[in-house]
């Protein structure tokens, strides 16, 4: 678990609840799609707890790696 402060996690918690619901719909319909929902708990207006996902890469790391490999500043939009 990661304890965060200075961030309002309420919107992230709500978004993850939507992702969990969509994942259940995928499973019920036997669609071969995989989501990896994780737990987010907003404990106050500026703090909360986020489940740690092992082997996950941050968006910041991916952007830095893309810049390193390409030799130029790239955005994730350029990547996709």
N, C-alpha and C. Protein backbone atom coordinates (compact mmCIF):
# COMPACT_ATOMS: atom_id res chain seq x y z
N UNK A 1 0.82 -1.17 0.00
CA UNK A 1 0.00 0.00 0.00
C UNK A 1 0.88 1.25 0.00
N UNK A 2 0.38 2.26 -0.68
CA UNK A 2 1.05 3.55 -0.72
C UNK A 2 0.12 4.56 -0.04
N UNK A 3 0.65 5.26 0.93
CA UNK A 3 -0.12 6.31 1.60
C UNK A 3 0.24 7.62 0.93
N UNK A 4 -0.78 8.32 0.43
CA UNK A 4 -0.55 9.58 -0.27
C UNK A 4 -1.16 10.72 0.52
N UNK A 5 -0.47 11.84 0.52
CA UNK A 5 -1.04 13.05 1.11
C UNK A 5 -0.81 14.18 0.12
N UNK A 6 -1.67 15.19 0.20
CA UNK A 6 -1.58 16.31 -0.73
C UNK A 6 -2.30 16.05 -2.04
N UNK A 7 -2.95 14.89 -2.17
CA UNK A 7 -3.72 14.55 -3.37
C UNK A 7 -5.14 14.22 -2.98
N UNK A 8 -6.08 14.74 -3.73
CA UNK A 8 -7.48 14.39 -3.53
C UNK A 8 -7.76 13.14 -4.36
N UNK A 9 -7.91 12.01 -3.73
CA UNK A 9 -8.07 10.74 -4.42
C UNK A 9 -9.52 10.36 -4.68
N UNK A 10 -10.46 11.23 -4.36
CA UNK A 10 -11.88 10.88 -4.51
C UNK A 10 -12.23 10.60 -5.97
N UNK A 11 -11.75 11.41 -6.90
CA UNK A 11 -12.08 11.18 -8.30
C UNK A 11 -11.41 9.91 -8.82
N UNK A 12 -10.18 9.63 -8.38
CA UNK A 12 -9.51 8.40 -8.77
C UNK A 12 -10.23 7.18 -8.21
N UNK A 13 -10.72 7.29 -6.98
CA UNK A 13 -11.45 6.19 -6.37
C UNK A 13 -12.73 5.91 -7.17
N UNK A 14 -13.44 6.96 -7.55
CA UNK A 14 -14.65 6.80 -8.34
C UNK A 14 -14.34 6.19 -9.71
N UNK A 15 -13.28 6.67 -10.36
CA UNK A 15 -12.90 6.13 -11.67
C UNK A 15 -12.57 4.64 -11.57
N UNK A 16 -11.89 4.25 -10.49
CA UNK A 16 -11.53 2.85 -10.33
C UNK A 16 -12.78 2.00 -10.08
N UNK A 17 -13.77 2.55 -9.39
CA UNK A 17 -15.03 1.83 -9.20
C UNK A 17 -15.71 1.59 -10.55
N UNK A 18 -15.65 2.58 -11.45
CA UNK A 18 -16.20 2.40 -12.79
C UNK A 18 -15.45 1.32 -13.56
N UNK A 19 -14.13 1.33 -13.45
CA UNK A 19 -13.31 0.33 -14.13
C UNK A 19 -13.63 -1.07 -13.61
N UNK A 20 -13.83 -1.20 -12.29
CA UNK A 20 -14.20 -2.50 -11.71
C UNK A 20 -15.54 -2.97 -12.25
N UNK A 21 -16.49 -2.06 -12.39
CA UNK A 21 -17.81 -2.41 -12.92
C UNK A 21 -17.70 -2.84 -14.38
N UNK A 22 -16.93 -2.12 -15.16
CA UNK A 22 -16.72 -2.49 -16.57
C UNK A 22 -16.05 -3.84 -16.66
N UNK A 23 -15.08 -4.11 -15.80
CA UNK A 23 -14.40 -5.41 -15.78
C UNK A 23 -15.39 -6.53 -15.50
N UNK A 24 -16.31 -6.31 -14.56
CA UNK A 24 -17.34 -7.32 -14.27
C UNK A 24 -18.24 -7.56 -15.48
N UNK A 25 -18.58 -6.50 -16.20
CA UNK A 25 -19.39 -6.64 -17.41
C UNK A 25 -18.64 -7.45 -18.46
N UNK A 26 -17.36 -7.17 -18.66
CA UNK A 26 -16.55 -7.93 -19.60
C UNK A 26 -16.56 -9.41 -19.24
N UNK A 27 -16.35 -9.70 -17.97
CA UNK A 27 -16.32 -11.11 -17.53
C UNK A 27 -17.67 -11.78 -17.71
N UNK A 28 -18.75 -11.08 -17.39
CA UNK A 28 -20.09 -11.64 -17.53
C UNK A 28 -20.41 -11.96 -18.99
N UNK A 29 -19.96 -11.10 -19.89
CA UNK A 29 -20.18 -11.29 -21.33
C UNK A 29 -19.16 -12.22 -21.96
N UNK A 30 -18.22 -12.72 -21.13
CA UNK A 30 -17.15 -13.62 -21.57
C UNK A 30 -16.31 -13.00 -22.71
N UNK A 31 -16.07 -11.69 -22.58
CA UNK A 31 -15.21 -11.00 -23.53
C UNK A 31 -13.77 -11.21 -23.12
N UNK A 32 -12.92 -11.42 -24.09
CA UNK A 32 -11.50 -11.69 -23.81
C UNK A 32 -10.74 -10.38 -23.67
N UNK A 33 -11.17 -9.58 -22.71
CA UNK A 33 -10.53 -8.30 -22.41
C UNK A 33 -10.11 -8.32 -20.95
N UNK A 34 -8.97 -7.73 -20.66
CA UNK A 34 -8.46 -7.79 -19.29
C UNK A 34 -8.20 -6.40 -18.76
N UNK A 35 -8.83 -6.10 -17.66
CA UNK A 35 -8.54 -4.88 -16.91
C UNK A 35 -7.91 -5.31 -15.59
N UNK A 36 -7.12 -4.45 -15.02
CA UNK A 36 -6.48 -4.76 -13.73
C UNK A 36 -6.84 -3.70 -12.70
N UNK A 37 -8.08 -3.74 -12.22
CA UNK A 37 -8.46 -2.75 -11.20
C UNK A 37 -7.66 -2.96 -9.91
N UNK A 38 -7.42 -1.88 -9.22
CA UNK A 38 -6.72 -1.94 -7.94
C UNK A 38 -7.45 -1.05 -6.95
N UNK A 39 -7.15 -1.21 -5.70
CA UNK A 39 -7.88 -0.51 -4.64
C UNK A 39 -7.35 0.91 -4.43
N UNK A 40 -8.27 1.84 -4.30
CA UNK A 40 -7.96 3.22 -3.93
C UNK A 40 -8.96 3.59 -2.85
N UNK A 41 -8.45 4.09 -1.75
CA UNK A 41 -9.31 4.50 -0.65
C UNK A 41 -8.98 5.93 -0.26
N UNK A 42 -9.92 6.83 -0.52
CA UNK A 42 -9.76 8.21 -0.10
C UNK A 42 -10.14 8.30 1.37
N UNK A 43 -9.19 8.68 2.20
CA UNK A 43 -9.45 8.74 3.64
C UNK A 43 -9.75 10.16 4.11
N UNK A 44 -9.62 11.11 3.23
CA UNK A 44 -9.89 12.51 3.55
C UNK A 44 -9.79 13.34 2.29
N UNK A 45 -10.03 14.63 2.38
CA UNK A 45 -10.01 15.47 1.18
C UNK A 45 -8.64 15.59 0.53
N UNK A 46 -7.56 15.34 1.28
CA UNK A 46 -6.22 15.48 0.72
C UNK A 46 -5.32 14.30 1.05
N UNK A 47 -5.90 13.13 1.26
CA UNK A 47 -5.07 11.97 1.58
C UNK A 47 -5.82 10.69 1.26
N UNK A 48 -5.06 9.61 1.17
CA UNK A 48 -5.68 8.32 0.91
C UNK A 48 -4.65 7.23 0.79
N UNK A 49 -5.14 6.05 0.45
CA UNK A 49 -4.30 4.86 0.34
C UNK A 49 -4.52 4.26 -1.04
N UNK A 50 -3.42 3.88 -1.71
CA UNK A 50 -3.48 3.29 -3.04
C UNK A 50 -2.76 1.95 -2.99
N UNK A 51 -3.40 0.93 -3.57
CA UNK A 51 -2.78 -0.39 -3.62
C UNK A 51 -1.54 -0.33 -4.51
N UNK A 52 -0.48 -0.93 -4.08
CA UNK A 52 0.76 -1.00 -4.85
C UNK A 52 0.67 -2.14 -5.85
N UNK A 53 0.97 -1.87 -7.09
CA UNK A 53 0.94 -2.88 -8.14
C UNK A 53 2.39 -3.21 -8.52
N UNK A 54 2.81 -4.44 -8.22
CA UNK A 54 4.19 -4.81 -8.55
C UNK A 54 4.36 -4.94 -10.06
N UNK A 55 5.53 -4.66 -10.54
CA UNK A 55 5.89 -4.72 -11.96
C UNK A 55 5.16 -3.70 -12.82
N UNK A 56 4.57 -2.68 -12.21
CA UNK A 56 3.90 -1.63 -12.97
C UNK A 56 4.91 -0.52 -13.28
N UNK A 57 4.69 0.16 -14.39
CA UNK A 57 5.55 1.28 -14.77
C UNK A 57 4.75 2.56 -14.69
N UNK A 58 5.34 3.60 -14.15
CA UNK A 58 4.66 4.89 -14.07
C UNK A 58 4.66 5.56 -15.44
N UNK A 59 3.70 6.44 -15.65
CA UNK A 59 3.63 7.21 -16.89
C UNK A 59 4.91 8.03 -17.05
N UNK A 60 5.41 8.59 -15.94
CA UNK A 60 6.64 9.37 -15.98
C UNK A 60 7.81 8.53 -16.48
N UNK A 61 7.94 7.29 -15.98
CA UNK A 61 9.03 6.40 -16.41
C UNK A 61 8.90 6.09 -17.91
N UNK A 62 7.69 5.80 -18.37
CA UNK A 62 7.47 5.47 -19.77
C UNK A 62 7.85 6.64 -20.66
N UNK A 63 7.45 7.86 -20.27
CA UNK A 63 7.79 9.05 -21.07
C UNK A 63 9.30 9.26 -21.11
N UNK A 64 9.98 9.10 -19.97
CA UNK A 64 11.44 9.27 -19.94
C UNK A 64 12.12 8.22 -20.80
N UNK A 65 11.65 6.99 -20.76
CA UNK A 65 12.23 5.90 -21.54
C UNK A 65 12.02 6.15 -23.04
N UNK A 66 10.85 6.66 -23.42
CA UNK A 66 10.58 6.97 -24.82
C UNK A 66 11.53 8.06 -25.31
N UNK A 67 11.76 9.07 -24.49
CA UNK A 67 12.69 10.14 -24.84
C UNK A 67 14.09 9.60 -24.99
N UNK A 68 14.48 8.72 -24.07
CA UNK A 68 15.83 8.12 -24.10
C UNK A 68 16.02 7.29 -25.36
N UNK A 69 15.05 6.49 -25.72
CA UNK A 69 15.16 5.60 -26.88
C UNK A 69 15.09 6.37 -28.19
N UNK A 70 14.18 7.34 -28.28
CA UNK A 70 13.98 8.07 -29.54
C UNK A 70 14.97 9.22 -29.73
N UNK A 71 15.52 9.71 -28.62
CA UNK A 71 16.43 10.84 -28.71
C UNK A 71 15.73 12.18 -28.80
N UNK A 72 14.41 12.18 -28.70
CA UNK A 72 13.66 13.43 -28.74
C UNK A 72 12.52 13.35 -27.73
N UNK A 73 12.05 14.52 -27.34
CA UNK A 73 10.95 14.59 -26.38
C UNK A 73 9.68 14.05 -27.02
N UNK A 74 9.07 13.06 -26.41
CA UNK A 74 7.86 12.46 -26.95
C UNK A 74 6.77 12.49 -25.90
N UNK A 75 5.57 12.60 -26.37
CA UNK A 75 4.39 12.54 -25.51
C UNK A 75 3.75 11.17 -25.71
N UNK A 76 2.91 10.76 -24.77
CA UNK A 76 2.24 9.47 -24.94
C UNK A 76 1.34 9.46 -26.15
N UNK A 77 0.80 10.60 -26.55
CA UNK A 77 -0.02 10.68 -27.76
C UNK A 77 0.83 10.31 -28.98
N UNK A 78 2.08 10.79 -29.01
CA UNK A 78 2.99 10.42 -30.10
C UNK A 78 3.25 8.93 -30.11
N UNK A 79 3.35 8.34 -28.94
CA UNK A 79 3.64 6.91 -28.81
C UNK A 79 2.49 6.08 -29.37
N UNK A 80 1.27 6.46 -29.02
CA UNK A 80 0.12 5.69 -29.47
C UNK A 80 -0.33 6.13 -30.84
